[in-house]
N, C-alpha and C. Protein backbone atom coordinates (compact mmCIF):
# COMPACT_ATOMS: atom_id res chain seq x y z
N MET A 1 0.70 -0.98 0.12
CA MET A 1 0.10 -0.09 -0.05
C MET A 1 0.84 1.07 -0.13
N PRO A 2 0.77 2.07 -0.66
CA PRO A 2 1.54 3.34 -0.57
C PRO A 2 1.63 4.22 0.37
N PRO A 3 2.35 4.77 1.03
CA PRO A 3 2.22 5.57 1.98
C PRO A 3 1.36 6.80 2.28
N ASP A 4 1.09 7.04 0.78
CA ASP A 4 0.27 8.57 0.91
C ASP A 4 -1.23 7.84 0.57
N ARG A 5 -1.79 6.60 0.91
CA ARG A 5 -3.28 6.31 0.70
C ARG A 5 -3.98 6.69 2.09
N LEU A 6 -5.10 6.91 1.80
CA LEU A 6 -5.92 7.88 2.99
C LEU A 6 -5.91 6.99 3.96
N VAL A 7 -6.10 5.70 3.81
CA VAL A 7 -6.58 4.54 4.73
C VAL A 7 -5.11 4.17 5.89
N PHE A 8 -4.18 4.37 4.99
CA PHE A 8 -2.78 4.26 6.01
C PHE A 8 -2.31 5.57 6.50
N LEU A 9 -2.87 6.70 6.22
CA LEU A 9 -2.50 8.20 6.65
C LEU A 9 -3.33 8.29 7.78
N LEU A 10 -4.59 7.85 7.46
CA LEU A 10 -5.77 7.82 8.88
C LEU A 10 -5.31 7.03 10.16
N LYS A 11 -4.77 5.45 9.72
CA LYS A 11 -4.50 4.80 10.63
C LYS A 11 -3.05 5.20 11.38
N ARG A 12 -2.25 5.83 10.87
CA ARG A 12 -0.93 6.25 11.53
C ARG A 12 -1.29 7.55 12.14
N ALA A 13 -2.32 8.26 11.69
CA ALA A 13 -3.00 9.60 12.84
C ALA A 13 -3.61 8.75 13.76
N GLN A 14 -4.28 7.78 14.03
CA GLN A 14 -4.91 7.10 15.16
C GLN A 14 -4.05 6.24 15.85
N VAL A 15 -2.75 5.92 15.72
CA VAL A 15 -1.97 5.59 16.69
C VAL A 15 -1.08 6.19 16.98
N ARG A 16 -1.03 7.71 16.20
CA ARG A 16 -0.14 8.77 17.25
C ARG A 16 -0.87 9.33 17.98
N VAL A 17 -2.45 9.52 17.97
CA VAL A 17 -2.88 9.89 18.85
C VAL A 17 -2.92 9.12 20.44
N SER A 18 -3.19 7.92 19.98
CA SER A 18 -3.53 6.66 20.85
C SER A 18 -2.40 6.62 21.85
N ASP A 19 -0.97 6.51 20.85
CA ASP A 19 0.31 6.76 21.95
C ASP A 19 0.51 8.07 22.70
N LEU A 20 0.24 8.87 22.20
CA LEU A 20 0.24 10.48 23.13
C LEU A 20 -0.53 10.36 24.53
N ALA A 21 -2.27 9.66 24.34
CA ALA A 21 -2.91 9.34 25.27
C ALA A 21 -2.61 8.19 26.52
N GLU A 22 -2.01 7.03 25.56
CA GLU A 22 -2.18 5.78 26.70
C GLU A 22 -1.31 6.07 27.57
N PRO A 23 -0.33 6.76 27.89
CA PRO A 23 0.06 6.52 29.26
C PRO A 23 -0.71 7.28 30.50
N GLY A 24 -1.43 8.61 29.84
CA GLY A 24 -2.18 9.05 30.77
C GLY A 24 -3.43 8.56 31.07
N LEU A 25 -3.96 7.90 30.34
CA LEU A 25 -5.35 7.05 30.59
C LEU A 25 -4.61 5.81 31.28
N ALA A 26 -3.56 5.11 31.28
CA ALA A 26 -3.00 3.89 31.83
C ALA A 26 -2.87 4.18 33.64
N ALA A 27 -2.57 5.52 33.70
CA ALA A 27 -2.37 6.32 34.83
C ALA A 27 -3.74 6.22 35.52
N LEU A 28 -4.64 6.19 34.96
CA LEU A 28 -6.02 6.33 35.72
C LEU A 28 -6.67 5.13 35.70
N GLY A 29 -5.96 3.72 34.99
CA GLY A 29 -7.00 2.78 35.11
C GLY A 29 -7.40 2.36 33.86
N VAL A 30 -7.44 3.04 32.75
CA VAL A 30 -8.29 2.61 31.83
C VAL A 30 -7.47 2.54 30.41
N ASP A 31 -7.87 1.98 29.18
CA ASP A 31 -7.48 2.16 28.35
C ASP A 31 -8.24 2.78 27.21
N GLY A 32 -7.54 3.13 26.03
CA GLY A 32 -8.37 3.66 24.96
C GLY A 32 -9.87 3.32 24.42
N ARG A 33 -9.72 1.95 24.50
CA ARG A 33 -11.15 1.44 24.15
C ARG A 33 -11.91 1.21 25.49
N GLU A 34 -11.93 1.18 26.86
CA GLU A 34 -12.45 1.53 27.81
C GLU A 34 -12.81 2.90 28.34
N PHE A 35 -12.08 3.84 27.63
CA PHE A 35 -12.18 5.50 27.99
C PHE A 35 -13.42 5.33 26.58
N ALA A 36 -13.40 5.34 25.59
CA ALA A 36 -14.50 5.31 24.73
C ALA A 36 -15.87 4.35 25.10
N VAL A 37 -15.95 3.48 25.59
CA VAL A 37 -17.10 2.95 26.43
C VAL A 37 -17.75 3.94 27.44
N LEU A 38 -16.91 4.40 28.08
CA LEU A 38 -17.35 5.61 29.16
C LEU A 38 -17.85 6.84 28.23
N SER A 39 -17.14 7.00 27.21
CA SER A 39 -17.80 8.14 26.74
C SER A 39 -18.95 8.00 26.00
N VAL A 40 -19.22 6.94 25.75
CA VAL A 40 -20.48 6.91 24.78
C VAL A 40 -21.54 6.39 25.69
N PHE A 41 -21.18 5.98 27.15
CA PHE A 41 -22.25 5.67 28.19
C PHE A 41 -22.55 7.41 28.40
N ALA A 42 -21.82 8.32 28.81
CA ALA A 42 -21.69 9.32 29.08
C ALA A 42 -22.50 10.33 28.21
N ALA A 43 -22.31 10.28 27.37
CA ALA A 43 -23.01 11.17 26.16
C ALA A 43 -24.19 10.66 25.59
N ALA A 44 -24.77 9.48 26.25
CA ALA A 44 -25.94 9.10 25.39
C ALA A 44 -27.35 9.90 26.31
N PRO A 45 -28.17 10.31 25.49
CA PRO A 45 -29.34 11.18 26.36
C PRO A 45 -30.04 9.99 27.07
N GLU A 46 -30.22 8.91 27.19
CA GLU A 46 -30.71 7.83 28.09
C GLU A 46 -29.66 6.78 28.00
N PRO A 47 -29.91 5.83 29.03
CA PRO A 47 -28.70 4.87 29.46
C PRO A 47 -29.09 3.68 28.23
N LEU A 48 -28.12 3.20 27.65
CA LEU A 48 -27.68 2.45 26.48
C LEU A 48 -27.76 1.17 27.03
N SER A 49 -28.22 0.14 26.02
CA SER A 49 -28.08 -1.37 26.29
C SER A 49 -26.53 -1.60 25.81
N GLN A 50 -26.06 -2.69 26.05
CA GLN A 50 -24.58 -3.09 25.68
C GLN A 50 -24.58 -3.25 24.26
N ARG A 51 -25.70 -3.70 23.71
CA ARG A 51 -25.71 -4.04 21.94
C ARG A 51 -25.82 -2.54 21.72
N ASP A 52 -26.43 -1.55 21.86
CA ASP A 52 -26.58 -0.13 21.23
C ASP A 52 -25.35 0.60 21.28
N ALA A 53 -24.45 -0.08 22.54
CA ALA A 53 -23.42 0.90 22.65
C ALA A 53 -22.00 0.28 21.78
N ALA A 54 -22.24 -0.96 21.16
CA ALA A 54 -21.45 -1.64 20.92
C ALA A 54 -21.64 -1.07 19.00
N ALA A 55 -23.20 -0.95 18.74
CA ALA A 55 -23.02 -0.62 17.54
C ALA A 55 -22.73 0.67 17.38
N LEU A 56 -22.43 1.32 17.99
CA LEU A 56 -22.23 3.11 18.14
C LEU A 56 -20.80 2.97 18.11
N LEU A 57 -20.04 2.14 18.70
CA LEU A 57 -18.74 2.04 18.74
C LEU A 57 -17.94 1.03 17.64
N MET A 58 -19.12 0.45 16.80
CA MET A 58 -18.61 -0.52 15.82
C MET A 58 -17.56 -1.58 16.19
N ILE A 59 -18.04 -2.17 17.61
CA ILE A 59 -17.52 -3.38 17.92
C ILE A 59 -18.22 -4.40 18.12
N ASP A 60 -17.47 -5.68 18.20
CA ASP A 60 -18.58 -7.04 18.38
C ASP A 60 -19.18 -6.76 19.59
N ARG A 61 -20.57 -7.73 19.87
CA ARG A 61 -20.95 -7.61 20.97
C ARG A 61 -20.05 -8.58 21.83
N THR A 62 -19.31 -9.47 21.58
CA THR A 62 -18.25 -10.13 22.44
C THR A 62 -17.18 -9.39 23.08
N THR A 63 -16.73 -8.86 22.20
CA THR A 63 -15.82 -7.57 22.83
C THR A 63 -16.68 -6.80 23.99
N MET A 64 -17.73 -6.24 23.65
CA MET A 64 -18.35 -5.13 24.06
C MET A 64 -18.74 -5.72 25.94
N VAL A 65 -18.95 -6.93 25.42
CA VAL A 65 -19.18 -7.40 26.76
C VAL A 65 -18.20 -7.96 28.04
N ALA A 66 -17.06 -8.02 27.16
CA ALA A 66 -15.81 -8.12 27.92
C ALA A 66 -15.15 -7.06 28.41
N LEU A 67 -15.30 -5.93 27.73
CA LEU A 67 -15.13 -4.56 28.07
C LEU A 67 -16.07 -4.12 29.20
N VAL A 68 -17.45 -4.19 28.90
CA VAL A 68 -18.52 -3.96 30.16
C VAL A 68 -18.07 -4.46 31.25
N ASP A 69 -17.83 -5.83 31.37
CA ASP A 69 -17.33 -6.80 32.72
C ASP A 69 -16.05 -6.21 33.45
N GLY A 70 -15.30 -5.57 32.52
CA GLY A 70 -14.20 -5.36 33.24
C GLY A 70 -14.43 -3.86 34.08
N LEU A 71 -15.16 -3.30 33.24
CA LEU A 71 -15.43 -1.84 33.67
C LEU A 71 -16.61 -1.76 34.88
N GLU A 72 -17.45 -2.75 34.98
CA GLU A 72 -18.27 -3.26 36.19
C GLU A 72 -17.21 -3.33 37.34
N ARG A 73 -16.50 -4.72 37.12
CA ARG A 73 -15.48 -5.17 38.24
C ARG A 73 -15.13 -3.81 38.86
N ARG A 74 -14.60 -3.07 38.15
CA ARG A 74 -14.00 -1.67 38.90
C ARG A 74 -15.06 -0.84 39.45
N GLY A 75 -15.88 -0.96 39.30
CA GLY A 75 -17.13 -0.10 39.74
C GLY A 75 -17.46 1.10 39.41
N LEU A 76 -16.87 1.18 37.52
CA LEU A 76 -17.04 2.36 36.88
C LEU A 76 -18.25 2.35 36.10
N VAL A 77 -19.04 0.99 35.84
CA VAL A 77 -20.25 1.25 35.51
C VAL A 77 -21.17 0.07 36.29
N GLU A 78 -22.17 0.33 35.80
CA GLU A 78 -23.34 -0.94 36.37
C GLU A 78 -24.28 -1.10 35.57
N ARG A 79 -24.50 -2.38 35.46
CA ARG A 79 -25.85 -2.83 34.89
C ARG A 79 -27.08 -2.74 35.62
N ARG A 80 -28.28 -2.12 34.45
CA ARG A 80 -29.45 -1.82 35.43
C ARG A 80 -30.74 -2.62 34.41
N GLY A 81 -31.67 -2.88 35.06
CA GLY A 81 -32.27 -3.36 34.01
C GLY A 81 -33.16 -2.54 33.20
N HIS A 82 -33.50 -2.63 32.20
CA HIS A 82 -34.03 -1.41 31.03
C HIS A 82 -35.63 -1.81 31.49
N PRO A 83 -35.91 -0.11 31.46
CA PRO A 83 -37.50 -0.19 32.08
C PRO A 83 -38.63 -0.73 30.93
N ALA A 84 -38.22 -0.71 29.80
CA ALA A 84 -39.30 -1.46 28.86
C ALA A 84 -39.11 -2.76 28.48
N ASP A 85 -38.11 -3.27 28.78
CA ASP A 85 -37.56 -4.49 28.23
C ASP A 85 -37.17 -5.51 29.39
N ARG A 86 -37.38 -6.64 29.81
CA ARG A 86 -36.71 -6.79 31.45
C ARG A 86 -35.34 -7.70 30.44
N ARG A 87 -35.60 -8.30 29.40
CA ARG A 87 -34.77 -8.93 28.87
C ARG A 87 -33.45 -8.39 28.80
N LYS A 88 -33.48 -6.98 28.59
CA LYS A 88 -32.16 -6.18 28.28
C LYS A 88 -31.73 -5.57 29.43
N ASN A 89 -30.01 -4.91 29.57
CA ASN A 89 -29.63 -4.46 30.75
C ASN A 89 -29.46 -3.15 30.21
N THR A 90 -29.36 -2.43 30.93
CA THR A 90 -29.05 -0.62 30.56
C THR A 90 -27.85 -0.63 31.39
N LEU A 91 -26.75 0.39 30.87
CA LEU A 91 -25.65 0.69 31.53
C LEU A 91 -25.51 2.19 31.66
N VAL A 92 -24.93 2.29 33.18
CA VAL A 92 -24.82 3.70 33.41
C VAL A 92 -23.43 3.93 34.08
N LEU A 93 -23.10 4.84 34.26
CA LEU A 93 -21.82 5.04 34.98
C LEU A 93 -21.96 5.53 36.48
N THR A 94 -21.13 5.06 37.25
CA THR A 94 -20.98 5.11 38.58
C THR A 94 -20.55 6.39 38.54
N ALA A 95 -20.50 7.20 40.10
CA ALA A 95 -19.92 8.29 40.33
C ALA A 95 -18.18 8.11 39.99
N GLU A 96 -17.90 7.18 40.48
CA GLU A 96 -16.44 6.91 40.15
C GLU A 96 -16.10 6.70 38.74
N GLY A 97 -16.87 6.35 37.93
CA GLY A 97 -17.05 6.18 36.56
C GLY A 97 -17.01 7.25 35.98
N THR A 98 -18.00 8.35 36.19
CA THR A 98 -17.89 9.73 36.17
C THR A 98 -16.69 10.47 36.37
N ALA A 99 -16.18 10.14 37.46
CA ALA A 99 -14.61 10.78 37.79
C ALA A 99 -13.64 10.45 37.11
N VAL A 100 -13.65 9.05 36.57
CA VAL A 100 -12.87 8.52 35.65
C VAL A 100 -12.73 9.28 34.26
N LEU A 101 -13.70 9.20 34.14
CA LEU A 101 -14.18 9.80 32.32
C LEU A 101 -13.53 11.26 32.47
N GLU A 102 -13.78 12.29 33.52
CA GLU A 102 -13.67 13.44 33.20
C GLU A 102 -12.03 13.91 33.26
N ARG A 103 -11.47 12.87 33.89
CA ARG A 103 -9.63 13.01 34.02
C ARG A 103 -9.25 12.25 33.04
N ALA A 104 -10.03 11.39 32.43
CA ALA A 104 -9.68 10.62 31.01
C ALA A 104 -9.84 11.69 29.97
N ASP A 105 -11.10 12.32 30.00
CA ASP A 105 -11.35 13.31 28.61
C ASP A 105 -10.37 14.58 28.68
N ALA A 106 -9.62 15.18 30.02
CA ALA A 106 -8.32 15.94 30.12
C ALA A 106 -7.32 15.30 29.60
N VAL A 107 -6.85 14.13 29.79
CA VAL A 107 -5.79 13.46 29.18
C VAL A 107 -6.06 13.73 27.45
N ALA A 108 -7.24 13.00 27.08
CA ALA A 108 -7.70 12.96 25.74
C ALA A 108 -7.28 14.63 25.02
N ALA A 109 -7.55 15.03 25.72
CA ALA A 109 -7.86 16.70 25.21
C ALA A 109 -6.52 17.21 24.83
N GLU A 110 -5.53 16.76 26.22
CA GLU A 110 -3.92 17.08 25.73
C GLU A 110 -3.54 16.58 24.50
N ALA A 111 -3.57 15.06 24.67
CA ALA A 111 -2.87 14.41 23.63
C ALA A 111 -3.48 14.41 22.38
N GLU A 112 -4.82 14.78 21.81
CA GLU A 112 -5.46 15.62 20.67
C GLU A 112 -4.48 17.11 20.54
N ALA A 113 -4.43 17.91 21.84
CA ALA A 113 -3.54 19.31 21.71
C ALA A 113 -1.84 19.06 20.61
N GLN A 114 -1.25 18.08 21.27
CA GLN A 114 -0.22 17.91 20.73
C GLN A 114 -0.39 17.12 19.55
N PHE A 115 -0.94 16.29 18.85
CA PHE A 115 -1.15 15.88 17.89
C PHE A 115 -1.74 17.36 16.82
N LEU A 116 -2.54 17.79 17.26
CA LEU A 116 -2.90 18.70 16.35
C LEU A 116 -1.71 20.08 16.08
N ALA A 117 -0.84 20.32 17.27
CA ALA A 117 -0.05 21.34 17.22
C ALA A 117 0.33 21.86 16.04
N PRO A 118 1.02 20.75 15.21
CA PRO A 118 1.76 21.07 13.94
C PRO A 118 0.68 21.97 12.86
N LEU A 119 -0.38 21.84 13.16
CA LEU A 119 -1.04 22.49 12.21
C LEU A 119 -1.68 23.70 12.47
N GLY A 120 -1.37 24.09 14.12
CA GLY A 120 -2.01 25.53 14.14
C GLY A 120 -3.71 25.54 14.34
N PRO A 121 -4.05 26.59 14.88
CA PRO A 121 -5.54 26.24 15.52
C PRO A 121 -6.26 26.61 14.63
N ASP A 122 -6.28 27.43 13.41
CA ASP A 122 -7.25 27.54 12.34
C ASP A 122 -7.39 26.42 11.31
N ARG A 123 -6.06 25.66 11.23
CA ARG A 123 -6.14 24.00 10.20
C ARG A 123 -6.40 23.06 11.28
N ALA A 124 -6.18 22.98 12.44
CA ALA A 124 -6.71 21.95 13.23
C ALA A 124 -8.18 22.18 13.43
N ASP A 125 -8.62 23.44 13.56
CA ASP A 125 -10.25 23.78 13.38
C ASP A 125 -10.41 23.11 12.07
N GLU A 126 -10.06 22.98 10.91
CA GLU A 126 -10.80 22.85 9.70
C GLU A 126 -10.59 21.13 9.69
N PHE A 127 -9.59 20.60 10.11
CA PHE A 127 -9.13 19.40 10.38
C PHE A 127 -10.34 18.73 11.08
N ARG A 128 -10.79 19.10 11.93
CA ARG A 128 -11.66 18.54 12.75
C ARG A 128 -13.34 18.69 12.08
N SER A 129 -13.53 19.86 11.66
CA SER A 129 -14.31 19.79 10.87
C SER A 129 -14.85 18.82 9.69
N ALA A 130 -13.67 18.85 8.97
CA ALA A 130 -13.52 17.60 7.94
C ALA A 130 -14.00 16.52 8.22
N LEU A 131 -13.31 16.00 9.25
CA LEU A 131 -13.68 14.74 9.55
C LEU A 131 -15.29 14.33 10.38
N GLN A 132 -15.68 15.62 10.96
CA GLN A 132 -17.04 15.48 11.36
C GLN A 132 -17.97 15.16 10.10
N LEU A 133 -17.47 15.89 9.05
CA LEU A 133 -18.37 15.57 7.67
C LEU A 133 -18.25 14.34 7.27
N LEU A 134 -17.49 13.48 7.47
CA LEU A 134 -16.84 12.23 6.76
C LEU A 134 -17.75 11.17 7.80
N ARG A 135 -17.90 11.39 8.69
CA ARG A 135 -17.69 10.20 10.02
C ARG A 135 -19.34 9.69 9.40
N PRO A 136 -19.41 8.32 9.67
CA PRO A 136 -20.84 7.84 9.23
C PRO A 136 -21.94 7.87 10.01
N TYR A 137 -21.82 8.37 11.12
CA TYR A 137 -23.23 8.74 11.98
C TYR A 137 -23.31 9.74 12.77
């Protein structure tokens, strides 16, 4: 694959941002995938099922179960019965999960700032806007 292909460039960019964020996230006891799960639960207007969260994150249900199990063991999320469907569980952040997410969000913001610094503020804003236009949801 030529190194100027978009798929290659995007992957390298994602790896770079992850490399910048991972040490700070690890200090909080979470990794990038767990941070994404916490972020999705926090941003949802109402509690999500595991299935809905997995669809939003574009990960398979088995992986989602493992991620949620780990977060639940550490007291960061809890499963609750779905109000309209007794066969489903919804997931909500605990107070500790909210606190970890707030600190992780600061870590991610700093990593993004470092990553985007070479572009300068205007080009960084344009880059973010372009990515927003291209996202699938």
